[in-house]
Amino acid sequence: MLFIGPLGGWEIIIIFVIVLIIFGPSKLPQMGQSLGKAIKEFKKAGKELRSEVSDLDDDEKEERKKSANNPESQKDSEVKKGS
């Protein structure tokens, strides 16, 4: 038996039949194609967002390493803050 979350196999079949009645068999392939494109774009946007966040995180880590290795830059930044 097919189970997807709280929906069972019969529930999915009933939903599919209702959608078939409302939209007709000619519109279902177009709707499936549109849904597939939307999911693909959503995944692509998620991957881009993850890569941007990881790039920012990497840049931040590099800046911390540079400032930890260069005590003069810390003094300069402290002097600028005090001014």
PDB file of N, CA and C in Angstrom:
ATOM      1  N   MET A   1       0.839  -1.171   0.000  1.00  0.00           N
ATOM      2  CA  MET A   1       0.000   0.000   0.000  1.00  0.00           C
ATOM      3  C   MET A   1       0.886   1.236   0.000  1.00  0.00           C
ATOM      4  N   LEU A   2       0.474   2.241  -0.698  1.00  0.00           N
ATOM      5  CA  LEU A   2       1.233   3.473  -0.849  1.00  0.00           C
ATOM      6  C   LEU A   2       0.870   4.457   0.253  1.00  0.00           C
ATOM      7  N   PHE A   3       1.889   4.896   1.019  1.00  0.00           N
ATOM      8  CA  PHE A   3       1.663   5.894   2.060  1.00  0.00           C
ATOM      9  C   PHE A   3       2.630   7.051   1.861  1.00  0.00           C
ATOM     10  N   ILE A   4       2.094   8.250   1.806  1.00  0.00           N
ATOM     11  CA  ILE A   4       2.912   9.464   1.724  1.00  0.00           C
ATOM     12  C   ILE A   4       2.432  10.367   2.848  1.00  0.00           C
ATOM     13  N   GLY A   5       3.198  10.397   3.925  1.00  0.00           N
ATOM     14  CA  GLY A   5       2.789  11.198   5.072  1.00  0.00           C
ATOM     15  C   GLY A   5       1.469  10.692   5.600  1.00  0.00           C
ATOM     16  N   PRO A   6       0.562  11.590   5.955  1.00  0.00           N
ATOM     17  CA  PRO A   6      -0.727  11.155   6.492  1.00  0.00           C
ATOM     18  C   PRO A   6      -1.707  10.696   5.410  1.00  0.00           C
ATOM     19  N   LEU A   7      -1.342  10.858   4.138  1.00  0.00           N
ATOM     20  CA  LEU A   7      -2.237  10.446   3.052  1.00  0.00           C
ATOM     21  C   LEU A   7      -1.946   9.006   2.649  1.00  0.00           C
ATOM     22  N   GLY A   8      -2.999   8.234   2.504  1.00  0.00           N
ATOM     23  CA  GLY A   8      -2.862   6.866   2.043  1.00  0.00           C
ATOM     24  C   GLY A   8      -3.057   6.784   0.542  1.00  0.00           C
ATOM     25  N   GLY A   9      -3.012   5.579   0.042  1.00  0.00           N
ATOM     26  CA  GLY A   9      -3.162   5.362  -1.395  1.00  0.00           C
ATOM     27  C   GLY A   9      -4.516   5.786  -1.924  1.00  0.00           C
ATOM     28  N   TRP A  10      -5.589   5.468  -1.181  1.00  0.00           N
ATOM     29  CA  TRP A  10      -6.933   5.822  -1.644  1.00  0.00           C
ATOM     30  C   TRP A  10      -7.144   7.331  -1.667  1.00  0.00           C
ATOM     31  N   GLU A  11      -6.589   7.999  -0.689  1.00  0.00           N
ATOM     32  CA  GLU A  11      -6.745   9.458  -0.653  1.00  0.00           C
ATOM     33  C   GLU A  11      -6.081  10.115  -1.854  1.00  0.00           C
ATOM     34  N   ILE A  12      -4.900   9.625  -2.213  1.00  0.00           N
ATOM     35  CA  ILE A  12      -4.188  10.171  -3.372  1.00  0.00           C
ATOM     36  C   ILE A  12      -4.959   9.890  -4.657  1.00  0.00           C
ATOM     37  N   ILE A  13      -5.534   8.697  -4.766  1.00  0.00           N
ATOM     38  CA  ILE A  13      -6.323   8.351  -5.964  1.00  0.00           C
ATOM     39  C   ILE A  13      -7.548   9.258  -6.061  1.00  0.00           C
ATOM     40  N   ILE A  14      -8.217   9.501  -4.956  1.00  0.00           N
ATOM     41  CA  ILE A  14      -9.403  10.363  -4.962  1.00  0.00           C
ATOM     42  C   ILE A  14      -9.006  11.789  -5.362  1.00  0.00           C
ATOM     43  N   ILE A  15      -7.917  12.289  -4.814  1.00  0.00           N
ATOM     44  CA  ILE A  15      -7.440  13.633  -5.176  1.00  0.00           C
ATOM     45  C   ILE A  15      -7.114  13.695  -6.666  1.00  0.00           C
ATOM     46  N   PHE A  16      -6.446  12.677  -7.192  1.00  0.00           N
ATOM     47  CA  PHE A  16      -6.103  12.642  -8.615  1.00  0.00           C
ATOM     48  C   PHE A  16      -7.357  12.639  -9.485  1.00  0.00           C
ATOM     49  N   VAL A  17      -8.371  11.882  -9.101  1.00  0.00           N
ATOM     50  CA  VAL A  17      -9.619  11.832  -9.873  1.00  0.00           C
ATOM     51  C   VAL A  17     -10.307  13.198  -9.855  1.00  0.00           C
ATOM     52  N   ILE A  18     -10.326  13.857  -8.705  1.00  0.00           N
ATOM     53  CA  ILE A  18     -10.959  15.180  -8.616  1.00  0.00           C
ATOM     54  C   ILE A  18     -10.216  16.178  -9.503  1.00  0.00           C
ATOM     55  N   VAL A  19      -8.885  16.154  -9.458  1.00  0.00           N
ATOM     56  CA  VAL A  19      -8.092  17.052 -10.312  1.00  0.00           C
ATOM     57  C   VAL A  19      -8.358  16.744 -11.777  1.00  0.00           C
ATOM     58  N   LEU A  20      -8.461  15.469 -12.124  1.00  0.00           N
ATOM     59  CA  LEU A  20      -8.743  15.063 -13.503  1.00  0.00           C
ATOM     60  C   LEU A  20     -10.098  15.583 -13.955  1.00  0.00           C
ATOM     61  N   ILE A  21     -11.080  15.525 -13.076  1.00  0.00           N
ATOM     62  CA  ILE A  21     -12.421  16.010 -13.423  1.00  0.00           C
ATOM     63  C   ILE A  21     -12.415  17.532 -13.589  1.00  0.00           C
ATOM     64  N   ILE A  22     -11.723  18.232 -12.694  1.00  0.00           N
ATOM     65  CA  ILE A  22     -11.735  19.697 -12.730  1.00  0.00           C
ATOM     66  C   ILE A  22     -10.983  20.232 -13.947  1.00  0.00           C
ATOM     67  N   PHE A  23      -9.770  19.726 -14.171  1.00  0.00           N
ATOM     68  CA  PHE A  23      -8.920  20.299 -15.220  1.00  0.00           C
ATOM     69  C   PHE A  23      -8.976  19.550 -16.539  1.00  0.00           C
ATOM     70  N   GLY A  24      -9.397  18.330 -16.541  1.00  0.00           N
ATOM     71  CA  GLY A  24      -9.474  17.561 -17.770  1.00  0.00           C
ATOM     72  C   GLY A  24      -8.148  16.917 -18.127  1.00  0.00           C
ATOM     73  N   PRO A  25      -8.192  15.858 -18.918  1.00  0.00           N
ATOM     74  CA  PRO A  25      -6.970  15.118 -19.239  1.00  0.00           C
ATOM     75  C   PRO A  25      -5.998  15.894 -20.127  1.00  0.00           C
ATOM     76  N   SER A  26      -6.467  16.887 -20.862  1.00  0.00           N
ATOM     77  CA  SER A  26      -5.562  17.621 -21.754  1.00  0.00           C
ATOM     78  C   SER A  26      -4.660  18.593 -20.992  1.00  0.00           C
ATOM     79  N   LYS A  27      -5.109  19.059 -19.840  1.00  0.00           N
ATOM     80  CA  LYS A  27      -4.334  20.035 -19.069  1.00  0.00           C
ATOM     81  C   LYS A  27      -3.334  19.381 -18.114  1.00  0.00           C
ATOM     82  N   LEU A  28      -3.511  18.121 -17.771  1.00  0.00           N
ATOM     83  CA  LEU A  28      -2.637  17.485 -16.785  1.00  0.00           C
ATOM     84  C   LEU A  28      -1.168  17.447 -17.205  1.00  0.00           C
ATOM     85  N   PRO A  29      -0.834  17.102 -18.442  1.00  0.00           N
ATOM     86  CA  PRO A  29       0.591  17.121 -18.811  1.00  0.00           C
ATOM     87  C   PRO A  29       1.214  18.514 -18.702  1.00  0.00           C
ATOM     88  N   GLN A  30       0.463  19.543 -19.076  1.00  0.00           N
ATOM     89  CA  GLN A  30       0.965  20.907 -18.959  1.00  0.00           C
ATOM     90  C   GLN A  30       1.168  21.296 -17.498  1.00  0.00           C
ATOM     91  N   MET A  31       0.238  20.898 -16.647  1.00  0.00           N
ATOM     92  CA  MET A  31       0.364  21.200 -15.227  1.00  0.00           C
ATOM     93  C   MET A  31       1.561  20.464 -14.618  1.00  0.00           C
ATOM     94  N   GLY A  32       1.756  19.226 -15.004  1.00  0.00           N
ATOM     95  CA  GLY A  32       2.902  18.459 -14.516  1.00  0.00           C
ATOM     96  C   GLY A  32       4.220  19.068 -14.957  1.00  0.00           C
ATOM     97  N   GLN A  33       4.255  19.515 -16.198  1.00  0.00           N
ATOM     98  CA  GLN A  33       5.467  20.146 -16.725  1.00  0.00           C
ATOM     99  C   GLN A  33       5.748  21.455 -15.981  1.00  0.00           C
ATOM    100  N   SER A  34       4.734  22.248 -15.752  1.00  0.00           N
ATOM    101  CA  SER A  34       4.900  23.506 -15.017  1.00  0.00           C
ATOM    102  C   SER A  34       5.358  23.248 -13.583  1.00  0.00           C
ATOM    103  N   LEU A  35       4.779  22.244 -12.960  1.00  0.00           N
ATOM    104  CA  LEU A  35       5.171  21.901 -11.597  1.00  0.00           C
ATOM    105  C   LEU A  35       6.620  21.429 -11.560  1.00  0.00           C
ATOM    106  N   GLY A  36       7.021  20.630 -12.528  1.00  0.00           N
ATOM    107  CA  GLY A  36       8.410  20.165 -12.607  1.00  0.00           C
ATOM    108  C   GLY A  36       9.386  21.319 -12.780  1.00  0.00           C
ATOM    109  N   LYS A  37       9.059  22.280 -13.633  1.00  0.00           N
ATOM    110  CA  LYS A  37       9.915  23.448 -13.828  1.00  0.00           C
ATOM    111  C   LYS A  37      10.018  24.276 -12.553  1.00  0.00           C
ATOM    112  N   ALA A  38       8.887  24.438 -11.870  1.00  0.00           N
ATOM    113  CA  ALA A  38       8.884  25.224 -10.630  1.00  0.00           C
ATOM    114  C   ALA A  38       9.755  24.558  -9.567  1.00  0.00           C
ATOM    115  N   ILE A  39       9.673  23.261  -9.443  1.00  0.00           N
ATOM    116  CA  ILE A  39      10.496  22.540  -8.463  1.00  0.00           C
ATOM    117  C   ILE A  39      11.963  22.655  -8.826  1.00  0.00           C
ATOM    118  N   LYS A  40      12.266  22.544 -10.117  1.00  0.00           N
ATOM    119  CA  LYS A  40      13.657  22.649 -10.572  1.00  0.00           C
ATOM    120  C   LYS A  40      14.229  24.037 -10.256  1.00  0.00           C
ATOM    121  N   GLU A  41      13.466  25.089 -10.516  1.00  0.00           N
ATOM    122  CA  GLU A  41      13.914  26.455 -10.227  1.00  0.00           C
ATOM    123  C   GLU A  41      14.077  26.674  -8.727  1.00  0.00           C
ATOM    124  N   PHE A  42      13.174  26.106  -7.928  1.00  0.00           N
ATOM    125  CA  PHE A  42      13.257  26.241  -6.485  1.00  0.00           C
ATOM    126  C   PHE A  42      14.528  25.578  -5.958  1.00  0.00           C
ATOM    127  N   LYS A  43      14.842  24.392  -6.452  1.00  0.00           N
ATOM    128  CA  LYS A  43      16.068  23.705  -6.041  1.00  0.00           C
ATOM    129  C   LYS A  43      17.304  24.494  -6.468  1.00  0.00           C
ATOM    130  N   LYS A  44      17.274  25.052  -7.672  1.00  0.00           N
ATOM    131  CA  LYS A  44      18.402  25.840  -8.172  1.00  0.00           C
ATOM    132  C   LYS A  44      18.627  27.065  -7.289  1.00  0.00           C
ATOM    133  N   ALA A  45      17.551  27.741  -6.923  1.00  0.00           N
ATOM    134  CA  ALA A  45      17.665  28.922  -6.061  1.00  0.00           C
ATOM    135  C   ALA A  45      18.208  28.533  -4.692  1.00  0.00           C
ATOM    136  N   GLY A  46      17.791  27.394  -4.177  1.00  0.00           N
ATOM    137  CA  GLY A  46      18.294  26.920  -2.893  1.00  0.00           C
ATOM    138  C   GLY A  46      19.783  26.627  -2.936  1.00  0.00           C
ATOM    139  N   LYS A  47      20.235  26.004  -4.023  1.00  0.00           N
ATOM    140  CA  LYS A  47      21.667  25.714  -4.169  1.00  0.00           C
ATOM    141  C   LYS A  47      22.473  27.001  -4.268  1.00  0.00           C
ATOM    142  N   GLU A  48      21.980  27.981  -5.017  1.00  0.00           N
ATOM    143  CA  GLU A  48      22.668  29.265  -5.146  1.00  0.00           C
ATOM    144  C   GLU A  48      22.755  29.970  -3.792  1.00  0.00           C
ATOM    145  N   LEU A  49      21.678  29.928  -3.037  1.00  0.00           N
ATOM    146  CA  LEU A  49      21.671  30.565  -1.724  1.00  0.00           C
ATOM    147  C   LEU A  49      22.672  29.890  -0.796  1.00  0.00           C
ATOM    148  N   ARG A  50      22.700  28.553  -0.805  1.00  0.00           N
ATOM    149  CA  ARG A  50      23.665  27.832   0.034  1.00  0.00           C
ATOM    150  C   ARG A  50      25.090  28.174  -0.353  1.00  0.00           C
ATOM    151  N   SER A  51      25.369  28.259  -1.648  1.00  0.00           N
ATOM    152  CA  SER A  51      26.736  28.559  -2.071  1.00  0.00           C
ATOM    153  C   SER A  51      27.134  29.986  -1.685  1.00  0.00           C
ATOM    154  N   GLU A  52      26.210  30.936  -1.784  1.00  0.00           N
ATOM    155  CA  GLU A  52      26.505  32.309  -1.385  1.00  0.00           C
ATOM    156  C   GLU A  52      26.774  32.393   0.109  1.00  0.00           C
ATOM    157  N   VAL A  53      25.980  31.697   0.899  1.00  0.00           N
ATOM    158  CA  VAL A  53      26.178  31.711   2.348  1.00  0.00           C
ATOM    159  C   VAL A  53      27.513  31.075   2.708  1.00  0.00           C
ATOM    160  N   SER A  54      27.849  29.967   2.058  1.00  0.00           N
ATOM    161  CA  SER A  54      29.124  29.319   2.366  1.00  0.00           C
ATOM    162  C   SER A  54      30.298  30.186   1.906  1.00  0.00           C
ATOM    163  N   ASP A  55      30.155  30.901   0.795  1.00  0.00           N
ATOM    164  CA  ASP A  55      31.206  31.822   0.353  1.00  0.00           C
ATOM    165  C   ASP A  55      31.408  32.945   1.364  1.00  0.00           C
ATOM    166  N   LEU A  56      30.312  33.506   1.864  1.00  0.00           N
ATOM    167  CA  LEU A  56      30.408  34.566   2.862  1.00  0.00           C
ATOM    168  C   LEU A  56      31.049  34.035   4.137  1.00  0.00           C
ATOM    169  N   ASP A  57      30.691  32.824   4.512  1.00  0.00           N
ATOM    170  CA  ASP A  57      31.252  32.215   5.710  1.00  0.00           C
ATOM    171  C   ASP A  57      32.749  31.971   5.531  1.00  0.00           C
ATOM    172  N   ASP A  58      33.161  31.516   4.342  1.00  0.00           N
ATOM    173  CA  ASP A  58      34.576  31.293   4.063  1.00  0.00           C
ATOM    174  C   ASP A  58      35.358  32.604   4.108  1.00  0.00           C
ATOM    175  N   ASP A  59      34.790  33.665   3.522  1.00  0.00           N
ATOM    176  CA  ASP A  59      35.449  34.973   3.542  1.00  0.00           C
ATOM    177  C   ASP A  59      35.613  35.478   4.976  1.00  0.00           C
ATOM    178  N   GLU A  60      34.578  35.264   5.775  1.00  0.00           N
ATOM    179  CA  GLU A  60      34.634  35.711   7.166  1.00  0.00           C
ATOM    180  C   GLU A  60      35.707  34.946   7.940  1.00  0.00           C
ATOM    181  N   LYS A  61      35.830  33.654   7.685  1.00  0.00           N
ATOM    182  CA  LYS A  61      36.860  32.845   8.349  1.00  0.00           C
ATOM    183  C   LYS A  61      38.262  33.308   7.940  1.00  0.00           C
ATOM    184  N   GLU A  62      38.438  33.626   6.654  1.00  0.00           N
ATOM    185  CA  GLU A  62      39.739  34.100   6.180  1.00  0.00           C
ATOM    186  C   GLU A  62      40.103  35.432   6.842  1.00  0.00           C
ATOM    187  N   GLU A  63      39.137  36.334   6.981  1.00  0.00           N
ATOM    188  CA  GLU A  63      39.395  37.620   7.627  1.00  0.00           C
ATOM    189  C   GLU A  63      39.795  37.423   9.082  1.00  0.00           C
ATOM    190  N   ARG A  64      39.156  36.502   9.762  1.00  0.00           N
ATOM    191  CA  ARG A  64      39.499  36.228  11.154  1.00  0.00           C
ATOM    192  C   ARG A  64      40.922  35.677  11.269  1.00  0.00           C
ATOM    193  N   LYS A  65      41.283  34.780  10.332  1.00  0.00           N
ATOM    194  CA  LYS A  65      42.642  34.220  10.353  1.00  0.00           C
ATOM    195  C   LYS A  65      43.677  35.313  10.108  1.00  0.00           C
ATOM    196  N   LYS A  66      43.391  36.189   9.142  1.00  0.00           N
ATOM    197  CA  LYS A  66      44.328  37.273   8.834  1.00  0.00           C
ATOM    198  C   LYS A  66      44.494  38.199  10.032  1.00  0.00           C
ATOM    199  N   SER A  67      43.406  38.549  10.677  1.00  0.00           N
ATOM    200  CA  SER A  67      43.503  39.462  11.813  1.00  0.00           C
ATOM    201  C   SER A  67      44.163  38.776  13.007  1.00  0.00           C
ATOM    202  N   ALA A  68      44.008  37.476  13.141  1.00  0.00           N
ATOM    203  CA  ALA A  68      44.657  36.755  14.236  1.00  0.00           C
ATOM    204  C   ALA A  68      46.155  36.636  13.988  1.00  0.00           C
ATOM    205  N   ASN A  69      46.553  36.525  12.747  1.00  0.00           N
ATOM    206  CA  ASN A  69      47.970  36.386  12.404  1.00  0.00           C
ATOM    207  C   ASN A  69      48.694  37.722  12.348  1.00  0.00           C
ATOM    208  N   ASN A  70      47.977  38.815  12.236  1.00  0.00           N
ATOM    209  CA  ASN A  70      48.587  40.131  12.096  1.00  0.00           C
ATOM    210  C   ASN A  70      48.154  41.022  13.265  1.00  0.00           C
ATOM    211  N   PRO A  71      48.946  41.035  14.360  1.00  0.00           N
ATOM    212  CA  PRO A  71      48.534  41.834  15.525  1.00  0.00           C
ATOM    213  C   PRO A  71      48.526  43.330  15.252  1.00  0.00           C
ATOM    214  N   GLU A  72      49.289  43.814  14.268  1.00  0.00           N
ATOM    215  CA  GLU A  72      49.302  45.245  13.956  1.00  0.00           C
ATOM    216  C   GLU A  72      47.949  45.705  13.434  1.00  0.00           C
ATOM    217  N   SER A  73      47.291  44.850  12.663  1.00  0.00           N
ATOM    218  CA  SER A  73      45.987  45.237  12.131  1.00  0.00           C
ATOM    219  C   SER A  73      44.979  45.356  13.260  1.00  0.00           C
ATOM    220  N   GLN A  74      45.138  44.545  14.326  1.00  0.00           N
ATOM    221  CA  GLN A  74      44.254  44.667  15.466  1.00  0.00           C
ATOM    222  C   GLN A  74      44.489  45.986  16.183  1.00  0.00           C
ATOM    223  N   LYS A  75      45.762  46.377  16.324  1.00  0.00           N
ATOM    224  CA  LYS A  75      46.059  47.648  16.965  1.00  0.00           C
ATOM    225  C   LYS A  75      45.513  48.806  16.170  1.00  0.00           C
ATOM    226  N   ASP A  76      45.677  48.736  14.847  1.00  0.00           N
ATOM    227  CA  ASP A  76      45.163  49.800  13.971  1.00  0.00           C
ATOM    228  C   ASP A  76      43.661  49.933  14.104  1.00  0.00           C
ATOM    229  N   SER A  77      42.962  48.801  14.155  1.00  0.00           N
ATOM    230  CA  SER A  77      41.511  48.852  14.250  1.00  0.00           C
ATOM    231  C   SER A  77      41.091  49.380  15.614  1.00  0.00           C
ATOM    232  N   GLU A  78      41.865  49.076  16.678  1.00  0.00           N
ATOM    233  CA  GLU A  78      41.552  49.602  17.988  1.00  0.00           C
ATOM    234  C   GLU A  78      41.764  51.115  18.043  1.00  0.00           C
ATOM    235  N   VAL A  79      42.833  51.598  17.368  1.00  0.00           N
ATOM    236  CA  VAL A  79      43.118  53.025  17.328  1.00  0.00           C
ATOM    237  C   VAL A  79      42.003  53.747  16.567  1.00  0.00           C
ATOM    238  N   LYS A  80      41.547  53.170  15.464  1.00  0.00           N
ATOM    239  CA  LYS A  80      40.478  53.796  14.676  1.00  0.00           C
ATOM    240  C   LYS A  80      39.186  53.843  15.470  1.00  0.00           C
ATOM    241  N   LYS A  81      38.900  52.801  16.258  1.00  0.00           N
ATOM    242  CA  LYS A  81      37.688  52.794  17.061  1.00  0.00           C
ATOM    243  C   LYS A  81      37.752  53.857  18.150  1.00  0.00           C
ATOM    244  N   GLY A  82      38.933  54.065  18.711  1.00  0.00           N
ATOM    245  CA  GLY A  82      39.098  55.031  19.782  1.00  0.00           C
ATOM    246  C   GLY A  82      39.023  56.475  19.296  1.00  0.00           C
ATOM    247  N   SER A  83      39.289  56.686  18.010  1.00  0.00           N
ATOM    248  CA  SER A  83      39.302  58.060  17.464  1.00  0.00           C
ATOM    249  C   SER A  83      37.937  58.624  17.261  1.00  0.00           C
TER     250      SER A  83
END
